[in-house]
Protein backbone atom coordinates (compact mmCIF):
# COMPACT_ATOMS: atom_id res chain seq x y z
CA MET A 1 0.13 -0.09 -0.06
CA VAL A 2 1.36 3.47 -0.75
CA LYS A 3 1.15 6.06 1.73
CA VAL A 4 1.95 9.75 1.70
CA VAL A 5 3.90 11.30 4.51
CA ARG A 6 3.58 15.18 5.33
CA ARG A 7 6.80 16.75 5.57
CA LEU A 8 8.25 20.25 6.72
CA PRO A 9 6.50 22.98 5.18
CA SER A 10 8.34 24.97 2.54
CA PRO A 11 7.41 28.46 1.09
CA ARG A 12 5.39 26.72 -1.44
CA GLY A 13 3.47 24.63 0.91
CA ALA A 14 4.16 21.19 2.41
CA ALA A 15 6.09 18.76 0.04
CA LEU A 16 4.75 15.44 -0.18
CA LEU A 17 6.47 12.03 -0.78
CA PRO A 18 5.28 8.63 -1.25
CA GLN A 19 6.15 6.30 1.70
CA PHE A 20 7.20 2.36 1.67
CA THR A 21 8.33 0.02 4.07
CA SER A 22 11.14 -1.56 1.89
CA ILE A 23 12.57 -1.09 -1.55
CA GLY A 24 11.00 -4.27 -2.78
CA ALA A 25 7.61 -2.71 -1.79
CA LEU A 26 8.66 0.67 -3.60
CA ILE A 27 9.72 -1.03 -6.83
CA GLY A 28 6.64 -3.28 -6.79
CA ALA A 29 4.21 -0.33 -6.19
CA LEU A 30 5.82 1.98 -8.82
CA ARG A 31 7.54 -0.34 -11.19
CA PRO A 32 9.31 2.76 -12.36
CA ALA A 33 10.84 3.22 -15.45
CA ALA A 34 12.71 6.08 -14.60
CA PRO A 35 15.33 6.55 -11.70
CA VAL A 36 13.98 6.74 -8.29
CA TYR A 37 15.73 8.29 -5.43
CA ALA A 38 14.92 6.57 -2.23
CA LEU A 39 15.34 7.89 0.78
CA PHE A 40 15.45 6.53 4.49
CA PRO A 41 14.63 9.01 7.26
CA ASN A 42 16.35 6.76 10.01
CA ARG A 43 19.66 7.07 8.61
CA PHE A 44 19.66 10.76 8.16
CA GLN A 45 18.47 10.67 11.93
CA ARG A 46 21.31 8.56 12.84
CA ALA A 47 24.01 10.47 10.75
CA ALA A 48 22.81 13.63 12.13
CA ALA A 49 22.85 12.55 15.62
CA THR A 50 26.30 11.32 15.39
CA PHE A 51 27.59 14.70 14.65
CA LEU A 52 24.88 16.72 16.76
CA THR A 53 25.76 14.77 19.99
CA GLY A 54 29.67 13.88 19.22
CA PHE A 55 31.01 16.55 17.47
CA PRO A 56 32.75 19.10 19.94
CA GLY A 57 31.32 22.32 18.52
CA GLU A 58 28.50 23.36 15.87
CA THR A 59 27.76 21.17 12.73
CA MET A 60 26.78 22.75 9.51
CA TYR A 61 25.88 20.91 6.46
CA ALA A 62 27.86 21.45 3.32
CA VAL A 63 24.68 21.88 0.84
CA LYS A 64 26.93 20.99 -2.16
CA ALA A 65 26.98 17.33 -0.93
CA ASN A 66 23.25 17.11 -2.15
CA PRO A 67 20.84 19.98 -2.42
CA ALA A 68 17.62 17.98 -3.32
CA PRO A 69 14.93 19.72 -1.04
CA ALA A 70 13.91 16.32 0.08
CA VAL A 71 17.21 15.46 1.66
CA LEU A 72 17.37 18.84 3.08
CA ASP A 73 13.93 18.58 4.73
CA HIS A 74 15.21 15.12 6.00
CA LEU A 75 18.35 16.71 7.81
CA HIS A 76 16.49 19.84 9.01
CA GLN A 77 13.84 17.25 10.66
CA ALA A 78 17.02 15.66 12.23
CA GLY A 79 18.07 18.79 13.86
CA ILE A 80 20.70 20.61 11.35
CA ARG A 81 20.15 23.96 11.75
CA HIS A 82 23.49 25.56 10.30
CA PHE A 83 24.37 25.25 6.70
CA ASP A 84 27.58 25.70 4.68
CA THR A 85 26.79 27.44 1.43
CA ALA A 86 29.07 28.03 -1.41
CA SER A 87 26.79 30.29 -3.41
CA LEU A 88 24.10 32.65 -3.70
CA ARG A 89 21.83 30.23 -4.95
CA GLU A 90 22.48 27.76 -2.14
CA VAL A 91 22.10 30.81 0.31
CA GLU A 92 18.75 31.50 -1.44
CA LEU A 93 17.58 27.54 -1.18
CA ILE A 94 18.49 27.56 2.45
CA LYS A 95 17.00 30.86 3.66
CA ARG A 96 13.80 30.58 1.52
CA ARG A 97 13.18 26.92 2.72
CA TYR A 98 14.34 27.40 6.61
CA PRO A 99 14.14 31.12 7.49
CA GLY A 100 15.46 30.70 10.82
CA ALA A 101 18.57 28.71 9.51
CA THR A 102 22.11 30.02 9.93
CA CYS A 103 24.17 30.35 6.63
CA TYR A 104 27.92 30.32 6.36
CA PHE A 105 29.24 31.74 2.95
CA MET A 106 32.28 29.21 2.83
CA ALA A 107 33.49 29.53 -0.54
CA PRO A 108 36.85 31.57 -0.43
CA VAL A 109 36.31 33.05 -3.87
CA ARG A 110 32.69 34.53 -4.90
CA PRO A 111 31.40 36.15 -7.95
CA TYR A 112 30.97 39.74 -7.87
CA GLY A 113 27.95 41.01 -5.83
CA ALA A 114 27.61 37.47 -4.06
CA ALA A 115 29.08 38.47 -0.89
CA GLY A 116 26.88 41.78 -0.65
CA ALA A 117 23.86 40.13 -1.68
CA ALA A 118 24.14 37.51 0.89
CA PHE A 119 24.70 40.30 3.64
CA HIS A 120 22.15 42.63 2.62
CA HIS A 121 19.39 39.99 1.61
CA TYR A 122 19.84 37.28 3.68
CA GLY A 123 21.45 38.33 6.47
CA LEU A 124 24.75 36.51 6.30
CA ARG A 125 27.70 37.50 8.71
CA ASP A 126 30.28 34.66 8.05
CA PHE A 127 32.55 34.41 4.89
CA ALA A 128 35.74 32.31 3.97
CA LEU A 129 38.27 34.13 1.82
CA ASP A 130 42.24 33.33 1.39
CA SER A 131 43.56 36.59 -0.46
CA GLU A 132 43.54 40.30 0.11
CA GLU A 133 41.36 40.81 -3.03
CA GLU A 134 38.54 38.96 -1.50
CA LEU A 135 38.77 40.49 1.95
CA SER A 136 38.59 43.77 0.26
CA ARG A 137 35.69 42.71 -1.95
CA VAL A 138 33.57 41.33 1.11
CA LEU A 139 34.44 44.57 3.14
CA GLU A 140 33.08 46.84 0.01
CA GLU A 141 30.18 44.78 -1.05
CA THR A 142 28.81 44.61 2.56
CA GLY A 143 29.84 48.25 2.94
CA LEU A 144 31.22 47.92 6.24
CA LYS A 145 34.71 48.75 5.31
CA GLY A 146 36.05 51.42 7.78
CA THR A 147 32.88 51.29 9.93
CA PRO A 148 32.39 49.95 13.17
CA ARG A 149 30.06 47.58 12.02
CA ALA A 150 32.82 45.53 10.53
CA ARG A 151 32.99 43.59 13.77
CA GLU A 152 29.66 41.97 12.63
CA LEU A 153 31.56 39.97 9.97
CA THR A 154 33.18 36.89 10.97
CA LEU A 155 36.20 36.02 8.29
CA TYR A 156 37.61 32.97 8.08
CA VAL A 157 41.01 32.76 6.63
CA ARG A 158 41.45 29.60 4.71
CA LEU A 159 44.62 27.54 5.05
CA ALA A 160 45.99 24.96 2.71
CA ALA A 161 46.11 21.65 4.63
CA PRO A 162 47.94 18.43 3.60
CA SER A 163 45.52 15.79 2.21
CA ASP A 164 46.86 12.85 4.01
CA GLY A 165 44.44 9.80 3.84
CA ALA A 166 41.70 12.03 1.59
CA ALA A 167 40.53 10.30 -1.66
CA ILE A 168 40.41 13.73 -3.19
CA GLU A 169 42.46 16.63 -2.16
CA LEU A 170 40.90 20.03 -1.73
CA SER A 171 43.77 22.55 -1.36
CA SER A 172 45.26 23.11 -4.72
CA LYS A 173 42.45 25.40 -5.63
CA PHE A 174 42.01 26.92 -2.24
CA GLY A 175 43.94 27.89 0.95
CA THR A 176 46.89 29.93 1.92
CA THR A 177 50.11 29.63 3.66
CA VAL A 178 50.68 29.84 7.39
CA ALA A 179 52.67 33.02 6.85
CA GLU A 180 49.96 34.64 4.52
CA GLY A 181 47.29 33.47 6.42
CA ALA A 182 48.89 35.19 9.54
CA ASP A 183 49.02 38.50 7.57
CA LEU A 184 45.26 38.02 6.43
CA LEU A 185 44.39 37.72 10.16
CA LYS A 186 46.35 40.82 10.95
CA ARG A 187 44.70 42.68 8.13
CA ILE A 188 41.10 41.52 9.13
CA ALA A 189 41.63 42.37 12.88
CA ALA A 190 42.99 46.03 11.77
CA GLU A 191 39.83 46.42 9.29
CA GLY A 192 37.61 45.97 12.50
CA ALA A 193 36.10 42.63 11.80
CA THR A 194 36.12 39.36 13.41
CA PRO A 195 39.42 36.84 12.54
CA ALA A 196 38.60 33.47 12.10
CA LEU A 197 40.20 30.11 10.59
CA THR A 198 39.24 27.46 8.35
CA PHE A 199 40.60 24.43 6.15
CA HIS A 200 39.62 21.33 4.52
CA VAL A 201 41.48 18.23 4.63
CA GLY A 202 40.19 16.61 1.46
CA SER A 203 37.09 14.47 0.53
CA LEU A 204 36.64 11.13 2.17
CA CYS A 205 39.50 11.47 4.66
CA LEU A 206 40.28 8.27 6.47
CA LYS A 207 42.67 9.48 8.82
CA PRO A 208 41.79 11.63 12.13
CA ALA A 209 45.41 12.53 12.22
CA ALA A 210 44.79 14.71 9.21
CA PHE A 211 42.46 17.10 11.10
CA GLU A 212 45.49 17.18 13.96
CA LYS A 213 47.88 18.04 11.27
CA ALA A 214 45.59 21.07 9.74
CA LEU A 215 44.74 22.23 13.47
CA ALA A 216 48.70 22.29 14.13
CA LEU A 217 48.83 24.84 11.22
CA CYS A 218 46.06 27.01 12.63
CA ALA A 219 48.21 27.17 15.90
CA GLU A 220 51.37 28.39 14.08
CA THR A 221 48.86 30.78 12.11
CA ILE A 222 47.54 32.32 15.13
CA ARG A 223 50.84 32.44 16.94
CA GLN A 224 52.76 34.33 14.00
CA SER A 225 49.68 36.77 13.97
CA GLY A 226 49.35 37.54 17.24
CA VAL A 227 45.53 37.94 16.82
CA SER A 228 42.62 36.58 18.90
CA ILE A 229 40.74 34.11 16.98
CA ALA A 230 36.92 33.97 17.20
CA ALA A 231 36.01 30.73 15.18
CA ILE A 232 37.91 27.62 13.78
CA ASP A 233 36.09 25.62 11.26
CA VAL A 234 37.64 22.44 10.58
CA GLY A 235 35.87 21.86 7.37
CA GLY A 236 34.35 18.52 5.71
CA GLY A 237 36.00 15.53 4.49
CA PHE A 238 34.39 13.36 7.17
CA PRO A 239 33.96 9.76 5.68
CA ALA A 240 31.07 7.58 5.05
CA PRO A 241 31.34 3.71 5.62
CA TYR A 242 31.59 2.27 2.20
CA PRO A 243 32.11 -1.27 1.63
CA GLY A 244 35.86 -2.00 1.52
CA GLN A 245 36.96 1.31 3.09
CA ALA A 246 39.04 1.11 6.35
CA MET A 247 37.04 3.81 8.35
CA PRO A 248 37.71 4.28 11.78
CA PRO A 249 34.74 5.19 14.03
CA MET A 250 33.66 8.67 13.64
CA GLY A 251 34.19 9.16 17.39
CA GLU A 252 38.16 8.76 16.61
CA PHE A 253 37.80 12.03 14.38
CA PHE A 254 35.95 13.72 17.00
CA ALA A 255 38.24 12.89 19.74
CA ALA A 256 41.59 14.20 17.68
CA ILE A 257 39.67 17.59 16.94
CA ALA A 258 38.82 18.07 20.53
CA SER A 259 42.36 17.08 21.84
CA MET A 260 43.92 19.68 19.51
CA ARG A 261 41.23 22.31 20.03
CA SER A 262 42.17 22.12 23.83
CA ARG A 263 45.95 23.04 22.76
CA LEU A 264 45.11 25.75 20.71
CA PRO A 265 46.31 29.28 21.56
CA VAL A 266 42.61 30.58 21.61
CA ALA A 267 40.23 31.90 24.05
CA GLU A 268 37.59 29.17 25.83
CA ASP A 269 34.78 30.76 23.87
CA CYS A 270 36.28 30.48 20.59
CA HIS A 271 33.57 28.75 18.26
CA LEU A 272 34.64 25.23 17.06
CA ARG A 273 32.63 24.32 13.77
CA CYS A 274 32.49 21.57 10.98
CA GLU A 275 30.89 21.23 7.72
CA PRO A 276 30.30 17.58 6.67
CA GLY A 277 28.43 16.84 3.63
CA ARG A 278 29.09 13.10 2.60
CA ALA A 279 29.22 11.83 6.18
CA LEU A 280 25.42 13.20 6.72
CA VAL A 281 23.73 12.09 3.72
CA ALA A 282 25.80 9.18 1.99
CA GLU A 283 23.80 6.45 3.75
CA GLY A 284 20.40 8.02 3.58
CA MET A 285 19.70 7.53 0.05
CA SER A 286 19.80 4.62 -2.77
CA VAL A 287 19.18 5.21 -6.44
CA ILE A 288 16.94 2.73 -8.00
CA THR A 289 17.64 2.51 -11.64
CA GLN A 290 16.48 -0.12 -14.48
CA VAL A 291 17.99 -2.33 -16.98
CA MET A 292 16.87 -1.29 -20.33
CA LEU A 293 18.77 -3.86 -22.26
CA ARG A 294 21.03 -6.61 -21.38
CA ARG A 295 23.43 -7.68 -24.31
CA GLU A 296 25.52 -10.54 -23.02
CA ARG A 297 27.76 -9.19 -20.42
CA GLU A 298 26.63 -5.51 -21.02
CA LEU A 299 23.84 -3.64 -19.56
CA TYR A 300 21.97 -0.48 -20.54
CA LEU A 301 20.74 1.51 -17.59
CA ASN A 302 18.36 4.24 -17.40
CA ASP A 303 20.92 6.41 -15.30
CA GLY A 304 24.81 7.06 -15.93
CA ILE A 305 27.49 9.47 -15.47
CA TYR A 306 25.44 12.28 -16.74
CA GLY A 307 22.92 11.77 -14.10
CA SER A 308 23.31 10.04 -10.34
CA LEU A 309 26.54 8.08 -11.29
CA ASP A 310 28.89 10.88 -12.20
CA GLU A 311 31.03 10.31 -8.98
CA LEU A 312 31.95 6.85 -10.20
CA SER A 313 33.78 8.33 -13.16
CA LEU A 314 36.13 10.27 -10.90
CA PRO A 315 39.91 9.67 -11.52
CA ASN A 316 41.21 7.26 -8.96
CA TRP A 317 37.94 6.63 -7.33
CA ASN A 318 38.01 3.13 -6.17
CA VAL A 319 34.66 3.59 -3.79
CA ASP A 320 32.33 0.48 -4.13
CA TYR A 321 28.49 1.03 -3.66
CA PRO A 322 26.27 -1.67 -2.30
CA LEU A 323 24.15 -3.27 -5.12
CA ASP A 324 21.21 -5.01 -5.21
CA VAL A 325 18.98 -6.54 -8.21
CA TYR A 326 15.26 -6.94 -8.01
CA ALA A 327 13.94 -9.03 -10.69
CA ALA A 328 11.31 -7.75 -13.02
CA GLN A 329 9.45 -11.30 -13.31
CA GLY A 330 7.20 -12.62 -10.99
CA GLU A 331 4.12 -11.41 -9.10
CA GLY A 332 3.86 -9.27 -5.96
CA ASP A 333 6.83 -7.18 -4.91
CA PRO A 334 9.97 -8.14 -6.86
CA GLN A 335 12.51 -10.22 -5.12
CA GLN A 336 16.22 -9.77 -5.00
CA ARG A 337 18.24 -12.03 -7.44
CA GLU A 338 20.81 -14.35 -5.61
CA ALA A 339 22.80 -15.84 -8.17
CA LYS A 340 26.53 -15.77 -8.62
CA ARG A 341 27.96 -12.48 -9.03
CA VAL A 342 30.17 -11.80 -12.16
CA PRO A 343 31.29 -8.35 -13.82
CA PHE A 344 29.09 -6.39 -16.25
CA LEU A 345 29.89 -3.41 -18.31
CA ALA A 346 27.23 -0.54 -17.56
CA TRP A 347 26.18 1.97 -20.04
CA GLY A 348 24.02 4.96 -19.27
CA PRO A 349 21.13 6.09 -21.19
CA THR A 350 22.29 8.94 -23.20
CA CYS A 351 23.54 8.91 -26.92
CA ASP A 352 27.30 9.61 -25.68
CA THR A 353 29.68 6.88 -25.68
CA LEU A 354 31.26 8.49 -22.71
CA ASP A 355 28.39 7.58 -20.56
CA LYS A 356 30.09 4.29 -19.30
CA LEU A 357 30.80 3.51 -15.85
CA PRO A 358 34.69 3.17 -15.55
CA ARG A 359 34.66 -0.08 -13.74
CA PRO A 360 32.64 -3.13 -14.13
CA LEU A 361 29.61 -3.80 -11.82
CA MET A 362 29.55 -7.14 -10.12
CA LEU A 363 26.21 -8.33 -10.48
CA PRO A 364 24.21 -11.46 -10.69
CA GLU A 365 24.79 -13.65 -13.49
CA ASP A 366 21.33 -14.16 -14.20
CA ILE A 367 20.40 -10.13 -14.52
CA ALA A 368 17.71 -9.65 -17.27
CA THR A 369 16.24 -6.86 -19.14
CA GLY A 370 13.65 -4.92 -17.04
CA ASP A 371 15.54 -5.67 -13.77
CA TRP A 372 16.23 -3.04 -11.28
CA VAL A 373 19.79 -2.28 -9.98
CA VAL A 374 19.67 -0.54 -6.83
CA PHE A 375 22.87 1.42 -5.99
CA GLY A 376 23.16 2.01 -2.15
CA MET A 377 24.71 4.73 0.05
CA MET A 378 24.41 7.21 -2.87
CA GLY A 379 23.25 10.02 -1.00
CA ALA A 380 26.74 12.26 -1.50
CA TYR A 381 26.91 13.93 -5.07
CA SER A 382 24.53 12.03 -6.96
CA CYS A 383 21.63 14.67 -6.93
CA ALA A 384 24.19 17.47 -6.96
CA LEU A 385 25.91 16.32 -10.25
CA ARG A 386 22.94 15.27 -12.18
CA THR A 387 22.64 17.03 -15.63
CA GLY A 388 19.76 17.26 -18.18
CA PHE A 389 21.72 16.00 -21.04
CA ASN A 390 20.02 14.38 -23.80
CA GLY A 391 16.81 14.95 -21.61
CA PHE A 392 17.36 12.51 -19.05
CA TYR A 393 17.22 14.10 -15.56
CA PRO A 394 16.23 11.78 -12.66
CA ASP A 395 14.15 13.57 -10.14
CA GLN A 396 11.79 11.38 -8.61
CA PHE A 397 12.10 10.58 -4.82
CA ALA A 398 10.32 8.38 -2.17
CA ASP A 399 10.65 7.59 1.53
CA VAL A 400 11.45 4.02 2.67
CA ILE A 401 10.62 3.56 6.45
CA GLU A 402 12.78 0.85 7.52
CA GLY A 403 11.26 -1.08 10.27
CA ALA A 404 7.68 0.28 9.71
């Protein structure tokens, strides 16, 4: 039976999603010919609780990881009230949907006018930067340069951090050196604004020591600057427990950060913040695809790298996602195929030959045309990176209430 669940109200009214008790029940009821994003509310709740109760500071969700309104609603329902926004459009999305939420503009370089609009129209007061030019732009666009109100701005100098243990480094594009960071802190203080620091250890970081090393850079930057710091944002990079990944317990990351925080030359009331994306959403969503055609050991799926599966094509990306296959044949709710697994080449639905998964998928050898392939743990970056190329744009959502 299909139920409907009422979710948090949005400016356009309450969003409604169909609700099911299992993936099999969802597929049986909808028999979807287009991809479906299956959301698991209890998994979002669990991930949010891990950070809200375990991280020794404030948790802000990195909207870039998955900006789908249905996903944002689940996180908001789970208690997330702070959001790392990297563009004016993300700011608008959050502030219009959750007027009481707090946004932080943590992209170190913004388009002209974005900082001013965020400040004047949406009330943002926190901005990241890593250059003199961006500092001047923020001060000028907010109109606070040379005024006592400049102290309303908390300006985070982003340091380049080593990406030890991360799948993707994120300091070659943004982040400055300790010496230059110290100079920027001095300039921020001289302008009357509130100085802060931030960094990013890289995506899918598996080593808590990476945060310790980055915080040690913060300590040295503070010492060289002689400036009092109001906040430190340790960024994102917190991992998700993908199969085959040697992920330490999340508590080890929190403990490493808390230990270093106690040794930093900062006041007791210095805010500590983090901006997880993947760790909050990866487990909460699966993507249900369908086999449009099987040709020997090749499959043509109705989703691909121009849609939800783009992350699989990243260079040197070796993450495996849980895979389940539900048979199209038979009556009632589809059943999972349990045959021996063998490698299949998988193509996406577009006309482009580049729309091919870079590694074979290990799937039951009796998989057939019409079957559904469920990619688990796809909450991070799947919705964010989808395109409308060739007219294919996955955008159907449903809730799966486990244990109901």
